[in-house]
Every structure is written in structure tokens, then in C-alpha cells.
Amino acid sequence: MDSSSWLVLAVFVIGLVALIGFFVTKTAGFGRFATSAFLLILVLIVSGLLFAAGKLDGAVLANIFFAIVGFAGGLFTQRDAAAPNP
């Protein structure tokens, strides 16, 4: 096995550990937060695997990471329930 195969395997194992950790620490049920966090983890794993396999350019991976950070930032910020929507 060459180094790129080891890299893809390492990214897969780290992603698998992240998914197992997600399901171990998750409370019962799939709400908005759990579903969004699960999808973010999946997108991160798939894009990491594609980049490690050489199928994805670094600039595209950076854009995916920025999109994940932006989506997660919007997901984790609290909105005041009493404030009216504009």
C-alpha cells in the first residue's frame, strides 16, 4: 500500500470514530440540531475522503470547510424566541 491509500484509510477511520462518537453522545431522537450535526459530519467525511483520494481540489475543499463553519455557526447561535422576526 502506498501513502495515499494509508491517508484515505486514516481519514475513513477518523470519520468512523466521529460518527460513532456522535451516536454514543446523542440523546434520544433526531431533532433539528442532531440531523444538522449528522449531515455536517457526513459532508466533512466525504469531502475529506475525496480530497485524500485526489479527486477534489484544495480550493474546493476550503470552500466546503467555510460552508460547514458558516452553517454550524448559524446552527449553534441562539435566537431570542421573544424577538419578532423582521
PDB file of N, CA and C in Angstrom:
ATOM      1  N   MET A   1       0.846  -1.186   0.000  1.00  0.00           N
ATOM      2  CA  MET A   1       0.000   0.000   0.000  1.00  0.00           C
ATOM      3  C   MET A   1       0.884   1.239   0.000  1.00  0.00           C
ATOM      4  N   ASP A   2       0.502   2.194  -0.806  1.00  0.00           N
ATOM      5  CA  ASP A   2       1.266   3.435  -0.851  1.00  0.00           C
ATOM      6  C   ASP A   2       0.717   4.435   0.166  1.00  0.00           C
ATOM      7  N   SER A   3       1.347   5.587   0.242  1.00  0.00           N
ATOM      8  CA  SER A   3       0.989   6.562   1.277  1.00  0.00           C
ATOM      9  C   SER A   3      -0.406   7.154   1.067  1.00  0.00           C
ATOM     10  N   SER A   4      -0.858   7.274  -0.175  1.00  0.00           N
ATOM     11  CA  SER A   4      -2.196   7.840  -0.394  1.00  0.00           C
ATOM     12  C   SER A   4      -3.280   6.872   0.093  1.00  0.00           C
ATOM     13  N   SER A   5      -3.046   5.577  -0.042  1.00  0.00           N
ATOM     14  CA  SER A   5      -4.015   4.601   0.474  1.00  0.00           C
ATOM     15  C   SER A   5      -4.083   4.659   1.991  1.00  0.00           C
ATOM     16  N   TRP A   6      -2.945   4.832   2.634  1.00  0.00           N
ATOM     17  CA  TRP A   6      -2.927   4.965   4.098  1.00  0.00           C
ATOM     18  C   TRP A   6      -3.635   6.235   4.530  1.00  0.00           C
ATOM     19  N   LEU A   7      -3.472   7.306   3.743  1.00  0.00           N
ATOM     20  CA  LEU A   7      -4.138   8.568   4.074  1.00  0.00           C
ATOM     21  C   LEU A   7      -5.649   8.433   3.972  1.00  0.00           C
ATOM     22  N   VAL A   8      -6.129   7.796   2.911  1.00  0.00           N
ATOM     23  CA  VAL A   8      -7.572   7.585   2.748  1.00  0.00           C
ATOM     24  C   VAL A   8      -8.106   6.711   3.878  1.00  0.00           C
ATOM     25  N   LEU A   9      -7.359   5.674   4.235  1.00  0.00           N
ATOM     26  CA  LEU A   9      -7.764   4.806   5.335  1.00  0.00           C
ATOM     27  C   LEU A   9      -7.812   5.563   6.660  1.00  0.00           C
ATOM     28  N   ALA A  10      -6.825   6.429   6.892  1.00  0.00           N
ATOM     29  CA  ALA A  10      -6.796   7.216   8.127  1.00  0.00           C
ATOM     30  C   ALA A  10      -7.979   8.180   8.198  1.00  0.00           C
ATOM     31  N   VAL A  11      -8.291   8.835   7.092  1.00  0.00           N
ATOM     32  CA  VAL A  11      -9.431   9.754   7.068  1.00  0.00           C
ATOM     33  C   VAL A  11     -10.729   8.984   7.308  1.00  0.00           C
ATOM     34  N   PHE A  12     -10.844   7.794   6.727  1.00  0.00           N
ATOM     35  CA  PHE A  12     -12.033   6.969   6.927  1.00  0.00           C
ATOM     36  C   PHE A  12     -12.179   6.549   8.391  1.00  0.00           C
ATOM     37  N   VAL A  13     -11.091   6.123   9.002  1.00  0.00           N
ATOM     38  CA  VAL A  13     -11.142   5.685  10.398  1.00  0.00           C
ATOM     39  C   VAL A  13     -11.495   6.855  11.317  1.00  0.00           C
ATOM     40  N   ILE A  14     -10.908   8.010  11.088  1.00  0.00           N
ATOM     41  CA  ILE A  14     -11.226   9.189  11.905  1.00  0.00           C
ATOM     42  C   ILE A  14     -12.694   9.579  11.720  1.00  0.00           C
ATOM     43  N   GLY A  15     -13.191   9.516  10.493  1.00  0.00           N
ATOM     44  CA  GLY A  15     -14.601   9.805  10.241  1.00  0.00           C
ATOM     45  C   GLY A  15     -15.524   8.801  10.894  1.00  0.00           C
ATOM     46  N   LEU A  16     -15.133   7.527  10.871  1.00  0.00           N
ATOM     47  CA  LEU A  16     -15.925   6.494  11.520  1.00  0.00           C
ATOM     48  C   LEU A  16     -15.969   6.706  13.027  1.00  0.00           C
ATOM     49  N   VAL A  17     -14.843   7.074  13.617  1.00  0.00           N
ATOM     50  CA  VAL A  17     -14.804   7.362  15.050  1.00  0.00           C
ATOM     51  C   VAL A  17     -15.684   8.569  15.374  1.00  0.00           C
ATOM     52  N   ALA A  18     -15.678   9.580  14.500  1.00  0.00           N
ATOM     53  CA  ALA A  18     -16.530  10.753  14.722  1.00  0.00           C
ATOM     54  C   ALA A  18     -18.008  10.384  14.669  1.00  0.00           C
ATOM     55  N   LEU A  19     -18.384   9.523  13.726  1.00  0.00           N
ATOM     56  CA  LEU A  19     -19.786   9.096  13.651  1.00  0.00           C
ATOM     57  C   LEU A  19     -20.180   8.249  14.852  1.00  0.00           C
ATOM     58  N   ILE A  20     -19.307   7.351  15.274  1.00  0.00           N
ATOM     59  CA  ILE A  20     -19.600   6.542  16.458  1.00  0.00           C
ATOM     60  C   ILE A  20     -19.726   7.442  17.683  1.00  0.00           C
ATOM     61  N   GLY A  21     -18.818   8.406  17.811  1.00  0.00           N
ATOM     62  CA  GLY A  21     -18.904   9.354  18.925  1.00  0.00           C
ATOM     63  C   GLY A  21     -20.177  10.172  18.897  1.00  0.00           C
ATOM     64  N   PHE A  22     -20.623  10.540  17.708  1.00  0.00           N
ATOM     65  CA  PHE A  22     -21.870  11.289  17.576  1.00  0.00           C
ATOM     66  C   PHE A  22     -23.049  10.471  18.101  1.00  0.00           C
ATOM     67  N   PHE A  23     -23.128   9.203  17.689  1.00  0.00           N
ATOM     68  CA  PHE A  23     -24.259   8.382  18.095  1.00  0.00           C
ATOM     69  C   PHE A  23     -24.179   7.976  19.558  1.00  0.00           C
ATOM     70  N   VAL A  24     -22.979   7.845  20.116  1.00  0.00           N
ATOM     71  CA  VAL A  24     -22.849   7.489  21.529  1.00  0.00           C
ATOM     72  C   VAL A  24     -23.277   8.650  22.422  1.00  0.00           C
ATOM     73  N   THR A  25     -22.929   9.870  22.042  1.00  0.00           N
ATOM     74  CA  THR A  25     -23.217  11.031  22.883  1.00  0.00           C
ATOM     75  C   THR A  25     -24.566  11.673  22.594  1.00  0.00           C
ATOM     76  N   LYS A  26     -25.240  11.250  21.538  1.00  0.00           N
ATOM     77  CA  LYS A  26     -26.519  11.846  21.137  1.00  0.00           C
ATOM     78  C   LYS A  26     -27.635  11.412  22.081  1.00  0.00           C
ATOM     79  N   THR A  27     -28.533  12.326  22.375  1.00  0.00           N
ATOM     80  CA  THR A  27     -29.714  11.991  23.158  1.00  0.00           C
ATOM     81  C   THR A  27     -30.723  11.294  22.246  1.00  0.00           C
ATOM     82  N   ALA A  28     -31.766  10.798  22.826  1.00  0.00           N
ATOM     83  CA  ALA A  28     -32.764  10.060  22.055  1.00  0.00           C
ATOM     84  C   ALA A  28     -33.477  10.972  21.072  1.00  0.00           C
ATOM     85  N   GLY A  29     -33.747  10.473  19.888  1.00  0.00           N
ATOM     86  CA  GLY A  29     -34.485  11.218  18.880  1.00  0.00           C
ATOM     87  C   GLY A  29     -33.584  12.012  17.952  1.00  0.00           C
ATOM     88  N   PHE A  30     -34.170  12.387  16.816  1.00  0.00           N
ATOM     89  CA  PHE A  30     -33.459  13.195  15.835  1.00  0.00           C
ATOM     90  C   PHE A  30     -34.219  14.500  15.645  1.00  0.00           C
ATOM     91  N   GLY A  31     -33.736  15.535  16.293  1.00  0.00           N
ATOM     92  CA  GLY A  31     -34.322  16.850  16.122  1.00  0.00           C
ATOM     93  C   GLY A  31     -33.560  17.638  15.065  1.00  0.00           C
ATOM     94  N   ARG A  32     -33.801  18.926  15.036  1.00  0.00           N
ATOM     95  CA  ARG A  32     -33.149  19.796  14.057  1.00  0.00           C
ATOM     96  C   ARG A  32     -31.645  19.836  14.276  1.00  0.00           C
ATOM     97  N   PHE A  33     -31.233  19.924  15.516  1.00  0.00           N
ATOM     98  CA  PHE A  33     -29.816  20.017  15.832  1.00  0.00           C
ATOM     99  C   PHE A  33     -29.081  18.722  15.503  1.00  0.00           C
ATOM    100  N   ALA A  34     -29.640  17.584  15.896  1.00  0.00           N
ATOM    101  CA  ALA A  34     -28.973  16.300  15.670  1.00  0.00           C
ATOM    102  C   ALA A  34     -28.881  15.980  14.179  1.00  0.00           C
ATOM    103  N   THR A  35     -29.930  16.243  13.436  1.00  0.00           N
ATOM    104  CA  THR A  35     -29.911  15.981  11.998  1.00  0.00           C
ATOM    105  C   THR A  35     -28.895  16.868  11.295  1.00  0.00           C
ATOM    106  N   SER A  36     -28.852  18.135  11.651  1.00  0.00           N
ATOM    107  CA  SER A  36     -27.897  19.051  11.028  1.00  0.00           C
ATOM    108  C   SER A  36     -26.460  18.687  11.382  1.00  0.00           C
ATOM    109  N   ALA A  37     -26.209  18.340  12.628  1.00  0.00           N
ATOM    110  CA  ALA A  37     -24.859  17.943  13.030  1.00  0.00           C
ATOM    111  C   ALA A  37     -24.440  16.659  12.322  1.00  0.00           C
ATOM    112  N   PHE A  38     -25.355  15.724  12.170  1.00  0.00           N
ATOM    113  CA  PHE A  38     -25.062  14.478  11.466  1.00  0.00           C
ATOM    114  C   PHE A  38     -24.700  14.742  10.007  1.00  0.00           C
ATOM    115  N   LEU A  39     -25.463  15.596   9.353  1.00  0.00           N
ATOM    116  CA  LEU A  39     -25.177  15.920   7.955  1.00  0.00           C
ATOM    117  C   LEU A  39     -23.854  16.661   7.807  1.00  0.00           C
ATOM    118  N   LEU A  40     -23.534  17.546   8.746  1.00  0.00           N
ATOM    119  CA  LEU A  40     -22.250  18.234   8.703  1.00  0.00           C
ATOM    120  C   LEU A  40     -21.093  17.254   8.837  1.00  0.00           C
ATOM    121  N   ILE A  41     -21.225  16.293   9.729  1.00  0.00           N
ATOM    122  CA  ILE A  41     -20.179  15.284   9.899  1.00  0.00           C
ATOM    123  C   ILE A  41     -20.028  14.457   8.626  1.00  0.00           C
ATOM    124  N   LEU A  42     -21.147  14.069   8.015  1.00  0.00           N
ATOM    125  CA  LEU A  42     -21.078  13.292   6.781  1.00  0.00           C
ATOM    126  C   LEU A  42     -20.424  14.063   5.641  1.00  0.00           C
ATOM    127  N   VAL A  43     -20.771  15.324   5.479  1.00  0.00           N
ATOM    128  CA  VAL A  43     -20.165  16.141   4.428  1.00  0.00           C
ATOM    129  C   VAL A  43     -18.667  16.294   4.669  1.00  0.00           C
ATOM    130  N   LEU A  44     -18.287  16.482   5.913  1.00  0.00           N
ATOM    131  CA  LEU A  44     -16.877  16.605   6.255  1.00  0.00           C
ATOM    132  C   LEU A  44     -16.122  15.312   5.951  1.00  0.00           C
ATOM    133  N   ILE A  45     -16.691  14.170   6.259  1.00  0.00           N
ATOM    134  CA  ILE A  45     -16.041  12.884   5.997  1.00  0.00           C
ATOM    135  C   ILE A  45     -15.911  12.637   4.499  1.00  0.00           C
ATOM    136  N   VAL A  46     -16.991  12.829   3.760  1.00  0.00           N
ATOM    137  CA  VAL A  46     -16.963  12.561   2.319  1.00  0.00           C
ATOM    138  C   VAL A  46     -16.006  13.508   1.608  1.00  0.00           C
ATOM    139  N   SER A  47     -16.030  14.783   1.957  1.00  0.00           N
ATOM    140  CA  SER A  47     -15.115  15.717   1.300  1.00  0.00           C
ATOM    141  C   SER A  47     -13.662  15.417   1.683  1.00  0.00           C
ATOM    142  N   GLY A  48     -13.420  15.000   2.925  1.00  0.00           N
ATOM    143  CA  GLY A  48     -12.071  14.619   3.329  1.00  0.00           C
ATOM    144  C   GLY A  48     -11.581  13.393   2.583  1.00  0.00           C
ATOM    145  N   LEU A  49     -12.464  12.413   2.391  1.00  0.00           N
ATOM    146  CA  LEU A  49     -12.092  11.225   1.634  1.00  0.00           C
ATOM    147  C   LEU A  49     -11.808  11.553   0.171  1.00  0.00           C
ATOM    148  N   LEU A  50     -12.629  12.398  -0.428  1.00  0.00           N
ATOM    149  CA  LEU A  50     -12.399  12.783  -1.820  1.00  0.00           C
ATOM    150  C   LEU A  50     -11.094  13.560  -1.976  1.00  0.00           C
ATOM    151  N   PHE A  51     -10.789  14.425  -1.029  1.00  0.00           N
ATOM    152  CA  PHE A  51      -9.544  15.180  -1.090  1.00  0.00           C
ATOM    153  C   PHE A  51      -8.339  14.264  -0.904  1.00  0.00           C
ATOM    154  N   ALA A  52      -8.437  13.320   0.046  1.00  0.00           N
ATOM    155  CA  ALA A  52      -7.332  12.397   0.293  1.00  0.00           C
ATOM    156  C   ALA A  52      -7.098  11.485  -0.903  1.00  0.00           C
ATOM    157  N   ALA A  53      -8.160  11.160  -1.650  1.00  0.00           N
ATOM    158  CA  ALA A  53      -8.026  10.307  -2.826  1.00  0.00           C
ATOM    159  C   ALA A  53      -7.572  11.081  -4.051  1.00  0.00           C
ATOM    160  N   GLY A  54      -7.467  12.402  -3.947  1.00  0.00           N
ATOM    161  CA  GLY A  54      -7.015  13.214  -5.069  1.00  0.00           C
ATOM    162  C   GLY A  54      -8.109  13.571  -6.056  1.00  0.00           C
ATOM    163  N   LYS A  55      -9.351  13.400  -5.677  1.00  0.00           N
ATOM    164  CA  LYS A  55     -10.477  13.690  -6.566  1.00  0.00           C
ATOM    165  C   LYS A  55     -11.063  15.073  -6.356  1.00  0.00           C
ATOM    166  N   LEU A  56     -10.556  15.801  -5.369  1.00  0.00           N
ATOM    167  CA  LEU A  56     -11.104  17.108  -5.032  1.00  0.00           C
ATOM    168  C   LEU A  56      -9.952  18.093  -4.880  1.00  0.00           C
ATOM    169  N   ASP A  57     -10.098  19.257  -5.473  1.00  0.00           N
ATOM    170  CA  ASP A  57      -9.061  20.285  -5.413  1.00  0.00           C
ATOM    171  C   ASP A  57      -9.058  20.946  -4.027  1.00  0.00           C
ATOM    172  N   GLY A  58      -7.911  21.460  -3.636  1.00  0.00           N
ATOM    173  CA  GLY A  58      -7.775  22.094  -2.331  1.00  0.00           C
ATOM    174  C   GLY A  58      -8.653  23.322  -2.166  1.00  0.00           C
ATOM    175  N   ALA A  59      -8.831  24.096  -3.240  1.00  0.00           N
ATOM    176  CA  ALA A  59      -9.673  25.289  -3.163  1.00  0.00           C
ATOM    177  C   ALA A  59     -11.142  24.901  -2.942  1.00  0.00           C
ATOM    178  N   VAL A  60     -11.564  23.831  -3.564  1.00  0.00           N
ATOM    179  CA  VAL A  60     -12.942  23.367  -3.380  1.00  0.00           C
ATOM    180  C   VAL A  60     -13.130  22.872  -1.947  1.00  0.00           C
ATOM    181  N   LEU A  61     -12.136  22.159  -1.426  1.00  0.00           N
ATOM    182  CA  LEU A  61     -12.211  21.685  -0.046  1.00  0.00           C
ATOM    183  C   LEU A  61     -12.270  22.855   0.931  1.00  0.00           C
ATOM    184  N   ALA A  62     -11.505  23.896   0.678  1.00  0.00           N
ATOM    185  CA  ALA A  62     -11.544  25.080   1.534  1.00  0.00           C
ATOM    186  C   ALA A  62     -12.930  25.724   1.504  1.00  0.00           C
ATOM    187  N   ASN A  63     -13.538  25.795   0.333  1.00  0.00           N
ATOM    188  CA  ASN A  63     -14.891  26.352   0.240  1.00  0.00           C
ATOM    189  C   ASN A  63     -15.909  25.493   0.982  1.00  0.00           C
ATOM    190  N   ILE A  64     -15.741  24.178   0.911  1.00  0.00           N
ATOM    191  CA  ILE A  64     -16.636  23.285   1.653  1.00  0.00           C
ATOM    192  C   ILE A  64     -16.468  23.503   3.148  1.00  0.00           C
ATOM    193  N   PHE A  65     -15.231  23.633   3.619  1.00  0.00           N
ATOM    194  CA  PHE A  65     -14.987  23.880   5.039  1.00  0.00           C
ATOM    195  C   PHE A  65     -15.589  25.201   5.491  1.00  0.00           C
ATOM    196  N   PHE A  66     -15.461  26.253   4.678  1.00  0.00           N
ATOM    197  CA  PHE A  66     -16.058  27.538   5.033  1.00  0.00           C
ATOM    198  C   PHE A  66     -17.586  27.432   5.081  1.00  0.00           C
ATOM    199  N   ALA A  67     -18.179  26.681   4.164  1.00  0.00           N
ATOM    200  CA  ALA A  67     -19.629  26.486   4.186  1.00  0.00           C
ATOM    201  C   ALA A  67     -20.060  25.722   5.431  1.00  0.00           C
ATOM    202  N   ILE A  68     -19.274  24.712   5.831  1.00  0.00           N
ATOM    203  CA  ILE A  68     -19.591  23.944   7.038  1.00  0.00           C
ATOM    204  C   ILE A  68     -19.501  24.829   8.273  1.00  0.00           C
ATOM    205  N   VAL A  69     -18.451  25.642   8.351  1.00  0.00           N
ATOM    206  CA  VAL A  69     -18.287  26.536   9.508  1.00  0.00           C
ATOM    207  C   VAL A  69     -19.423  27.555   9.555  1.00  0.00           C
ATOM    208  N   GLY A  70     -19.805  28.106   8.422  1.00  0.00           N
ATOM    209  CA  GLY A  70     -20.910  29.065   8.385  1.00  0.00           C
ATOM    210  C   GLY A  70     -22.229  28.442   8.774  1.00  0.00           C
ATOM    211  N   PHE A  71     -22.483  27.242   8.277  1.00  0.00           N
ATOM    212  CA  PHE A  71     -23.733  26.559   8.621  1.00  0.00           C
ATOM    213  C   PHE A  71     -23.753  26.186  10.094  1.00  0.00           C
ATOM    214  N   ALA A  72     -22.626  25.682  10.600  1.00  0.00           N
ATOM    215  CA  ALA A  72     -22.557  25.313  12.019  1.00  0.00           C
ATOM    216  C   ALA A  72     -22.676  26.541  12.911  1.00  0.00           C
ATOM    217  N   GLY A  73     -22.091  27.661  12.496  1.00  0.00           N
ATOM    218  CA  GLY A  73     -22.228  28.892  13.272  1.00  0.00           C
ATOM    219  C   GLY A  73     -23.667  29.343  13.365  1.00  0.00           C
ATOM    220  N   GLY A  74     -24.400  29.235  12.266  1.00  0.00           N
ATOM    221  CA  GLY A  74     -25.820  29.574  12.291  1.00  0.00           C
ATOM    222  C   GLY A  74     -26.643  28.580  13.080  1.00  0.00           C
ATOM    223  N   LEU A  75     -26.194  27.346  13.096  1.00  0.00           N
ATOM    224  CA  LEU A  75     -26.921  26.314  13.833  1.00  0.00           C
ATOM    225  C   LEU A  75     -26.752  26.471  15.336  1.00  0.00           C
ATOM    226  N   PHE A  76     -25.567  26.845  15.773  1.00  0.00           N
ATOM    227  CA  PHE A  76     -25.264  26.889  17.196  1.00  0.00           C
ATOM    228  C   PHE A  76     -25.592  28.221  17.860  1.00  0.00           C
ATOM    229  N   THR A  77     -25.870  29.261  17.096  1.00  0.00           N
ATOM    230  CA  THR A  77     -26.231  30.528  17.717  1.00  0.00           C
ATOM    231  C   THR A  77     -27.667  30.453  18.203  1.00  0.00           C
ATOM    232  N   GLN A  78     -27.899  31.073  19.340  1.00  0.00           N
ATOM    233  CA  GLN A  78     -29.243  31.062  19.889  1.00  0.00           C
ATOM    234  C   GLN A  78     -30.001  32.291  19.411  1.00  0.00           C
ATOM    235  N   ARG A  79     -31.236  32.066  19.093  1.00  0.00           N
ATOM    236  CA  ARG A  79     -32.105  33.178  18.723  1.00  0.00           C
ATOM    237  C   ARG A  79     -33.061  33.425  19.876  1.00  0.00           C
ATOM    238  N   ASP A  80     -33.345  34.681  20.085  1.00  0.00           N
ATOM    239  CA  ASP A  80     -34.291  35.028  21.141  1.00  0.00           C
ATOM    240  C   ASP A  80     -35.697  34.700  20.665  1.00  0.00           C
ATOM    241  N   ALA A  81     -36.385  33.838  21.364  1.00  0.00           N
ATOM    242  CA  ALA A  81     -37.713  33.395  20.959  1.00  0.00           C
ATOM    243  C   ALA A  81     -38.738  34.522  21.084  1.00  0.00           C
ATOM    244  N   ALA A  82     -38.498  35.489  21.971  1.00  0.00           N
ATOM    245  CA  ALA A  82     -39.463  36.563  22.176  1.00  0.00           C
ATOM    246  C   ALA A  82     -39.327  37.664  21.129  1.00  0.00           C
ATOM    247  N   ALA A  83     -38.197  37.714  20.431  1.00  0.00           N
ATOM    248  CA  ALA A  83     -37.988  38.778  19.434  1.00  0.00           C
ATOM    249  C   ALA A  83     -38.807  38.482  18.186  1.00  0.00           C
ATOM    250  N   PRO A  84     -39.504  39.480  17.648  1.00  0.00           N
ATOM    251  CA  PRO A  84     -40.280  39.259  16.432  1.00  0.00           C
ATOM    252  C   PRO A  84     -39.351  39.141  15.219  1.00  0.00           C
ATOM    253  N   ASN A  85     -39.773  38.347  14.259  1.00  0.00           N
ATOM    254  CA  ASN A  85     -38.995  38.204  13.029  1.00  0.00           C
ATOM    255  C   ASN A  85     -39.192  39.431  12.154  1.00  0.00           C
ATOM    256  N   PRO A  86     -38.132  39.956  11.569  1.00  0.00           N
ATOM    257  CA  PRO A  86     -38.295  41.159  10.721  1.00  0.00           C
ATOM    258  C   PRO A  86     -38.955  40.844   9.416  1.00  0.00           C
TER     259      PRO A  86
END
